[in-house]
Amino acid sequence: NTFTKLQILPIDMFDKKGNFIEHFSSVKECVSKYNNLSASQISRVLKNIIKSHKGYVFKYTKQNNDIV
């Protein structure tokens, strides 16, 4: 379920040059802090459908114990 993924998976925010900006515990947390960002658009960046959203790049946080 995509909606659940947006609530529980941690993500990292970068600028277009790849510089780390901020870590979020979920897409939901990111959108609540940055009201101009859209959860659906961030989700599209995470799925590599689009490259960036409002000048930001988003990636799922890589955790060493994850099997991805």
PDB file of N, CA and C in Angstrom:
ATOM      1  N   ASN A   1       0.841  -1.195   0.000  1.00  0.00           N
ATOM      2  CA  ASN A   1       0.000   0.000   0.000  1.00  0.00           C
ATOM      3  C   ASN A   1       0.876   1.246   0.000  1.00  0.00           C
ATOM      4  N   THR A   2       0.755   2.054  -1.028  1.00  0.00           N
ATOM      5  CA  THR A   2       1.598   3.233  -1.199  1.00  0.00           C
ATOM      6  C   THR A   2       1.383   4.241  -0.085  1.00  0.00           C
ATOM      7  N   PHE A   3       0.146   4.418   0.326  1.00  0.00           N
ATOM      8  CA  PHE A   3      -0.156   5.406   1.352  1.00  0.00           C
ATOM      9  C   PHE A   3       0.600   5.092   2.643  1.00  0.00           C
ATOM     10  N   THR A   4       0.617   3.802   3.020  1.00  0.00           N
ATOM     11  CA  THR A   4       1.333   3.387   4.216  1.00  0.00           C
ATOM     12  C   THR A   4       2.826   3.649   4.054  1.00  0.00           C
ATOM     13  N   LYS A   5       3.367   3.353   2.871  1.00  0.00           N
ATOM     14  CA  LYS A   5       4.779   3.606   2.591  1.00  0.00           C
ATOM     15  C   LYS A   5       5.124   5.070   2.839  1.00  0.00           C
ATOM     16  N   LEU A   6       4.244   5.973   2.410  1.00  0.00           N
ATOM     17  CA  LEU A   6       4.492   7.399   2.574  1.00  0.00           C
ATOM     18  C   LEU A   6       4.491   7.796   4.049  1.00  0.00           C
ATOM     19  N   GLN A   7       3.833   6.997   4.880  1.00  0.00           N
ATOM     20  CA  GLN A   7       3.770   7.326   6.297  1.00  0.00           C
ATOM     21  C   GLN A   7       4.911   6.715   7.103  1.00  0.00           C
ATOM     22  N   ILE A   8       5.498   5.627   6.626  1.00  0.00           N
ATOM     23  CA  ILE A   8       6.448   4.917   7.487  1.00  0.00           C
ATOM     24  C   ILE A   8       7.890   4.868   6.992  1.00  0.00           C
ATOM     25  N   LEU A   9       8.119   5.023   5.683  1.00  0.00           N
ATOM     26  CA  LEU A   9       9.488   4.868   5.199  1.00  0.00           C
ATOM     27  C   LEU A   9      10.264   6.177   5.292  1.00  0.00           C
ATOM     28  N   PRO A  10      11.458   6.147   5.907  1.00  0.00           N
ATOM     29  CA  PRO A  10      12.258   7.369   6.012  1.00  0.00           C
ATOM     30  C   PRO A  10      12.835   7.794   4.662  1.00  0.00           C
ATOM     31  N   ILE A  11      12.911   9.098   4.440  1.00  0.00           N
ATOM     32  CA  ILE A  11      13.441   9.627   3.184  1.00  0.00           C
ATOM     33  C   ILE A  11      14.465  10.726   3.468  1.00  0.00           C
ATOM     34  N   ASP A  12      15.311  10.993   2.484  1.00  0.00           N
ATOM     35  CA  ASP A  12      16.280  12.075   2.556  1.00  0.00           C
ATOM     36  C   ASP A  12      15.996  13.061   1.436  1.00  0.00           C
ATOM     37  N   MET A  13      16.214  14.329   1.725  1.00  0.00           N
ATOM     38  CA  MET A  13      15.993  15.406   0.761  1.00  0.00           C
ATOM     39  C   MET A  13      17.347  15.962   0.337  1.00  0.00           C
ATOM     40  N   PHE A  14      17.528  16.129  -0.973  1.00  0.00           N
ATOM     41  CA  PHE A  14      18.766  16.662  -1.533  1.00  0.00           C
ATOM     42  C   PHE A  14      18.430  17.808  -2.477  1.00  0.00           C
ATOM     43  N   ASP A  15      19.430  18.673  -2.758  1.00  0.00           N
ATOM     44  CA  ASP A  15      19.219  19.638  -3.833  1.00  0.00           C
ATOM     45  C   ASP A  15      19.597  18.949  -5.145  1.00  0.00           C
ATOM     46  N   LYS A  16      19.414  19.660  -6.258  1.00  0.00           N
ATOM     47  CA  LYS A  16      19.657  19.032  -7.563  1.00  0.00           C
ATOM     48  C   LYS A  16      21.120  18.671  -7.785  1.00  0.00           C
ATOM     49  N   LYS A  17      22.033  19.269  -7.001  1.00  0.00           N
ATOM     50  CA  LYS A  17      23.461  18.939  -7.131  1.00  0.00           C
ATOM     51  C   LYS A  17      23.841  17.729  -6.280  1.00  0.00           C
ATOM     52  N   GLY A  18      22.864  17.209  -5.555  1.00  0.00           N
ATOM     53  CA  GLY A  18      23.124  16.025  -4.735  1.00  0.00           C
ATOM     54  C   GLY A  18      23.570  16.337  -3.320  1.00  0.00           C
ATOM     55  N   ASN A  19      23.497  17.610  -2.914  1.00  0.00           N
ATOM     56  CA  ASN A  19      23.860  17.964  -1.540  1.00  0.00           C
ATOM     57  C   ASN A  19      22.722  17.612  -0.590  1.00  0.00           C
ATOM     58  N   PHE A  20      23.076  16.916   0.488  1.00  0.00           N
ATOM     59  CA  PHE A  20      22.075  16.511   1.479  1.00  0.00           C
ATOM     60  C   PHE A  20      21.494  17.744   2.163  1.00  0.00           C
ATOM     61  N   ILE A  21      20.181  17.796   2.291  1.00  0.00           N
ATOM     62  CA  ILE A  21      19.523  18.921   2.962  1.00  0.00           C
ATOM     63  C   ILE A  21      18.935  18.486   4.298  1.00  0.00           C
ATOM     64  N   GLU A  22      18.080  17.476   4.246  1.00  0.00           N
ATOM     65  CA  GLU A  22      17.377  17.099   5.469  1.00  0.00           C
ATOM     66  C   GLU A  22      16.895  15.661   5.408  1.00  0.00           C
ATOM     67  N   HIS A  23      16.781  15.049   6.599  1.00  0.00           N
ATOM     68  CA  HIS A  23      16.261  13.685   6.724  1.00  0.00           C
ATOM     69  C   HIS A  23      14.866  13.758   7.338  1.00  0.00           C
ATOM     70  N   PHE A  24      13.960  12.939   6.837  1.00  0.00           N
ATOM     71  CA  PHE A  24      12.598  12.884   7.383  1.00  0.00           C
ATOM     72  C   PHE A  24      12.245  11.446   7.698  1.00  0.00           C
ATOM     73  N   SER A  25      11.415  11.255   8.728  1.00  0.00           N
ATOM     74  CA  SER A  25      11.004   9.897   9.085  1.00  0.00           C
ATOM     75  C   SER A  25       9.992   9.356   8.082  1.00  0.00           C
ATOM     76  N   SER A  26       9.380  10.267   7.290  1.00  0.00           N
ATOM     77  CA  SER A  26       8.393   9.840   6.293  1.00  0.00           C
ATOM     78  C   SER A  26       8.124  10.987   5.331  1.00  0.00           C
ATOM     79  N   VAL A  27       7.485  10.660   4.216  1.00  0.00           N
ATOM     80  CA  VAL A  27       7.057  11.684   3.258  1.00  0.00           C
ATOM     81  C   VAL A  27       6.058  12.612   3.952  1.00  0.00           C
ATOM     82  N   LYS A  28       5.199  12.037   4.768  1.00  0.00           N
ATOM     83  CA  LYS A  28       4.184  12.806   5.488  1.00  0.00           C
ATOM     84  C   LYS A  28       4.835  13.908   6.335  1.00  0.00           C
ATOM     85  N   GLU A  29       5.914  13.561   7.048  1.00  0.00           N
ATOM     86  CA  GLU A  29       6.612  14.544   7.880  1.00  0.00           C
ATOM     87  C   GLU A  29       7.204  15.659   7.017  1.00  0.00           C
ATOM     88  N   CYS A  30       7.782  15.304   5.885  1.00  0.00           N
ATOM     89  CA  CYS A  30       8.371  16.273   4.965  1.00  0.00           C
ATOM     90  C   CYS A  30       7.320  17.262   4.471  1.00  0.00           C
ATOM     91  N   VAL A  31       6.162  16.745   4.058  1.00  0.00           N
ATOM     92  CA  VAL A  31       5.094  17.598   3.527  1.00  0.00           C
ATOM     93  C   VAL A  31       4.509  18.496   4.619  1.00  0.00           C
ATOM     94  N   SER A  32       4.479  18.005   5.859  1.00  0.00           N
ATOM     95  CA  SER A  32       3.928  18.842   6.931  1.00  0.00           C
ATOM     96  C   SER A  32       4.889  19.983   7.281  1.00  0.00           C
ATOM     97  N   LYS A  33       6.183  19.785   7.033  1.00  0.00           N
ATOM     98  CA  LYS A  33       7.152  20.861   7.289  1.00  0.00           C
ATOM     99  C   LYS A  33       7.245  21.832   6.117  1.00  0.00           C
ATOM    100  N   TYR A  34       7.233  21.296   4.906  1.00  0.00           N
ATOM    101  CA  TYR A  34       7.314  22.119   3.695  1.00  0.00           C
ATOM    102  C   TYR A  34       5.953  22.094   3.004  1.00  0.00           C
ATOM    103  N   ASN A  35       5.131  23.076   3.320  1.00  0.00           N
ATOM    104  CA  ASN A  35       3.751  23.077   2.821  1.00  0.00           C
ATOM    105  C   ASN A  35       3.639  23.210   1.314  1.00  0.00           C
ATOM    106  N   ASN A  36       4.703  23.698   0.652  1.00  0.00           N
ATOM    107  CA  ASN A  36       4.651  23.872  -0.806  1.00  0.00           C
ATOM    108  C   ASN A  36       4.938  22.568  -1.551  1.00  0.00           C
ATOM    109  N   LEU A  37       5.312  21.510  -0.841  1.00  0.00           N
ATOM    110  CA  LEU A  37       5.632  20.237  -1.482  1.00  0.00           C
ATOM    111  C   LEU A  37       4.416  19.311  -1.477  1.00  0.00           C
ATOM    112  N   SER A  38       4.358  18.451  -2.467  1.00  0.00           N
ATOM    113  CA  SER A  38       3.240  17.531  -2.623  1.00  0.00           C
ATOM    114  C   SER A  38       3.693  16.088  -2.390  1.00  0.00           C
ATOM    115  N   ALA A  39       2.971  15.382  -1.542  1.00  0.00           N
ATOM    116  CA  ALA A  39       3.305  13.986  -1.238  1.00  0.00           C
ATOM    117  C   ALA A  39       3.287  13.122  -2.493  1.00  0.00           C
ATOM    118  N   SER A  40       2.307  13.375  -3.379  1.00  0.00           N
ATOM    119  CA  SER A  40       2.217  12.548  -4.582  1.00  0.00           C
ATOM    120  C   SER A  40       3.411  12.798  -5.511  1.00  0.00           C
ATOM    121  N   GLN A  41       3.870  14.062  -5.574  1.00  0.00           N
ATOM    122  CA  GLN A  41       5.021  14.375  -6.423  1.00  0.00           C
ATOM    123  C   GLN A  41       6.314  13.807  -5.819  1.00  0.00           C
ATOM    124  N   ILE A  42       6.449  13.884  -4.497  1.00  0.00           N
ATOM    125  CA  ILE A  42       7.620  13.292  -3.832  1.00  0.00           C
ATOM    126  C   ILE A  42       7.633  11.788  -4.093  1.00  0.00           C
ATOM    127  N   SER A  43       6.468  11.181  -4.024  1.00  0.00           N
ATOM    128  CA  SER A  43       6.351   9.749  -4.294  1.00  0.00           C
ATOM    129  C   SER A  43       6.809   9.419  -5.714  1.00  0.00           C
ATOM    130  N   ARG A  44       6.473  10.281  -6.663  1.00  0.00           N
ATOM    131  CA  ARG A  44       6.888  10.066  -8.061  1.00  0.00           C
ATOM    132  C   ARG A  44       8.401  10.183  -8.199  1.00  0.00           C
ATOM    133  N   VAL A  45       9.014  11.082  -7.439  1.00  0.00           N
ATOM    134  CA  VAL A  45      10.482  11.187  -7.458  1.00  0.00           C
ATOM    135  C   VAL A  45      11.091   9.914  -6.870  1.00  0.00           C
ATOM    136  N   LEU A  46      10.531   9.438  -5.763  1.00  0.00           N
ATOM    137  CA  LEU A  46      11.039   8.227  -5.112  1.00  0.00           C
ATOM    138  C   LEU A  46      10.949   7.010  -6.025  1.00  0.00           C
ATOM    139  N   LYS A  47       9.951   7.001  -6.902  1.00  0.00           N
ATOM    140  CA  LYS A  47       9.772   5.878  -7.839  1.00  0.00           C
ATOM    141  C   LYS A  47      10.513   6.100  -9.158  1.00  0.00           C
ATOM    142  N   ASN A  48      11.278   7.187  -9.239  1.00  0.00           N
ATOM    143  CA  ASN A  48      12.023   7.539 -10.459  1.00  0.00           C
ATOM    144  C   ASN A  48      11.130   7.816 -11.660  1.00  0.00           C
ATOM    145  N   ILE A  49       9.901   8.260 -11.417  1.00  0.00           N
ATOM    146  CA  ILE A  49       9.009   8.644 -12.511  1.00  0.00           C
ATOM    147  C   ILE A  49       9.389  10.046 -12.976  1.00  0.00           C
ATOM    148  N   ILE A  50       9.697  10.915 -12.011  1.00  0.00           N
ATOM    149  CA  ILE A  50      10.201  12.256 -12.317  1.00  0.00           C
ATOM    150  C   ILE A  50      11.518  12.460 -11.573  1.00  0.00           C
ATOM    151  N   LYS A  51      12.363  13.370 -12.059  1.00  0.00           N
ATOM    152  CA  LYS A  51      13.709  13.559 -11.487  1.00  0.00           C
ATOM    153  C   LYS A  51      13.708  14.357 -10.186  1.00  0.00           C
ATOM    154  N   SER A  52      12.848  15.394 -10.119  1.00  0.00           N
ATOM    155  CA  SER A  52      12.849  16.244  -8.929  1.00  0.00           C
ATOM    156  C   SER A  52      11.485  16.899  -8.758  1.00  0.00           C
ATOM    157  N   HIS A  53      11.298  17.500  -7.593  1.00  0.00           N
ATOM    158  CA  HIS A  53      10.052  18.207  -7.284  1.00  0.00           C
ATOM    159  C   HIS A  53      10.413  19.527  -6.622  1.00  0.00           C
ATOM    160  N   LYS A  54      10.015  20.648  -7.238  1.00  0.00           N
ATOM    161  CA  LYS A  54      10.309  22.000  -6.723  1.00  0.00           C
ATOM    162  C   LYS A  54      11.808  22.190  -6.464  1.00  0.00           C
ATOM    163  N   GLY A  55      12.635  21.560  -7.296  1.00  0.00           N
ATOM    164  CA  GLY A  55      14.081  21.722  -7.160  1.00  0.00           C
ATOM    165  C   GLY A  55      14.732  20.789  -6.161  1.00  0.00           C
ATOM    166  N   TYR A  56      13.973  19.870  -5.603  1.00  0.00           N
ATOM    167  CA  TYR A  56      14.520  18.919  -4.630  1.00  0.00           C
ATOM    168  C   TYR A  56      14.470  17.505  -5.185  1.00  0.00           C
ATOM    169  N   VAL A  57      15.435  16.705  -4.743  1.00  0.00           N
ATOM    170  CA  VAL A  57      15.475  15.290  -5.098  1.00  0.00           C
ATOM    171  C   VAL A  57      15.249  14.512  -3.805  1.00  0.00           C
ATOM    172  N   PHE A  58      14.454  13.458  -3.881  1.00  0.00           N
ATOM    173  CA  PHE A  58      14.144  12.653  -2.695  1.00  0.00           C
ATOM    174  C   PHE A  58      14.559  11.209  -2.915  1.00  0.00           C
ATOM    175  N   LYS A  59      15.121  10.614  -1.869  1.00  0.00           N
ATOM    176  CA  LYS A  59      15.512   9.198  -1.941  1.00  0.00           C
ATOM    177  C   LYS A  59      15.134   8.535  -0.632  1.00  0.00           C
ATOM    178  N   TYR A  60      14.787   7.256  -0.740  1.00  0.00           N
ATOM    179  CA  TYR A  60      14.565   6.507   0.490  1.00  0.00           C
ATOM    180  C   TYR A  60      15.890   6.425   1.241  1.00  0.00           C
ATOM    181  N   THR A  61      15.848   6.574   2.544  1.00  0.00           N
ATOM    182  CA  THR A  61      17.045   6.476   3.369  1.00  0.00           C
ATOM    183  C   THR A  61      17.563   5.040   3.315  1.00  0.00           C
ATOM    184  N   LYS A  62      18.852   4.918   3.035  1.00  0.00           N
ATOM    185  CA  LYS A  62      19.448   3.581   2.984  1.00  0.00           C
ATOM    186  C   LYS A  62      19.860   3.213   4.411  1.00  0.00           C
ATOM    187  N   GLN A  63      19.311   2.117   4.878  1.00  0.00           N
ATOM    188  CA  GLN A  63      19.663   1.646   6.206  1.00  0.00           C
ATOM    189  C   GLN A  63      20.373   0.311   6.065  1.00  0.00           C
ATOM    190  N   ASN A  64      21.435   0.157   6.825  1.00  0.00           N
ATOM    191  CA  ASN A  64      22.298  -1.014   6.671  1.00  0.00           C
ATOM    192  C   ASN A  64      21.579  -2.336   6.914  1.00  0.00           C
ATOM    193  N   ASN A  65      20.555  -2.326   7.743  1.00  0.00           N
ATOM    194  CA  ASN A  65      19.863  -3.573   8.060  1.00  0.00           C
ATOM    195  C   ASN A  65      18.689  -3.843   7.120  1.00  0.00           C
ATOM    196  N   ASP A  66      18.472  -2.961   6.150  1.00  0.00           N
ATOM    197  CA  ASP A  66      17.371  -3.170   5.215  1.00  0.00           C
ATOM    198  C   ASP A  66      17.760  -4.134   4.102  1.00  0.00           C
ATOM    199  N   ILE A  67      16.833  -4.959   3.697  1.00  0.00           N
ATOM    200  CA  ILE A  67      17.033  -5.800   2.528  1.00  0.00           C
ATOM    201  C   ILE A  67      16.180  -5.209   1.417  1.00  0.00           C
ATOM    202  N   VAL A  68      16.800  -4.448   0.545  1.00  0.00           N
ATOM    203  CA  VAL A  68      16.054  -3.753  -0.496  1.00  0.00           C
ATOM    204  C   VAL A  68      16.402  -4.347  -1.856  1.00  0.00           C
TER     205      VAL A  68
END
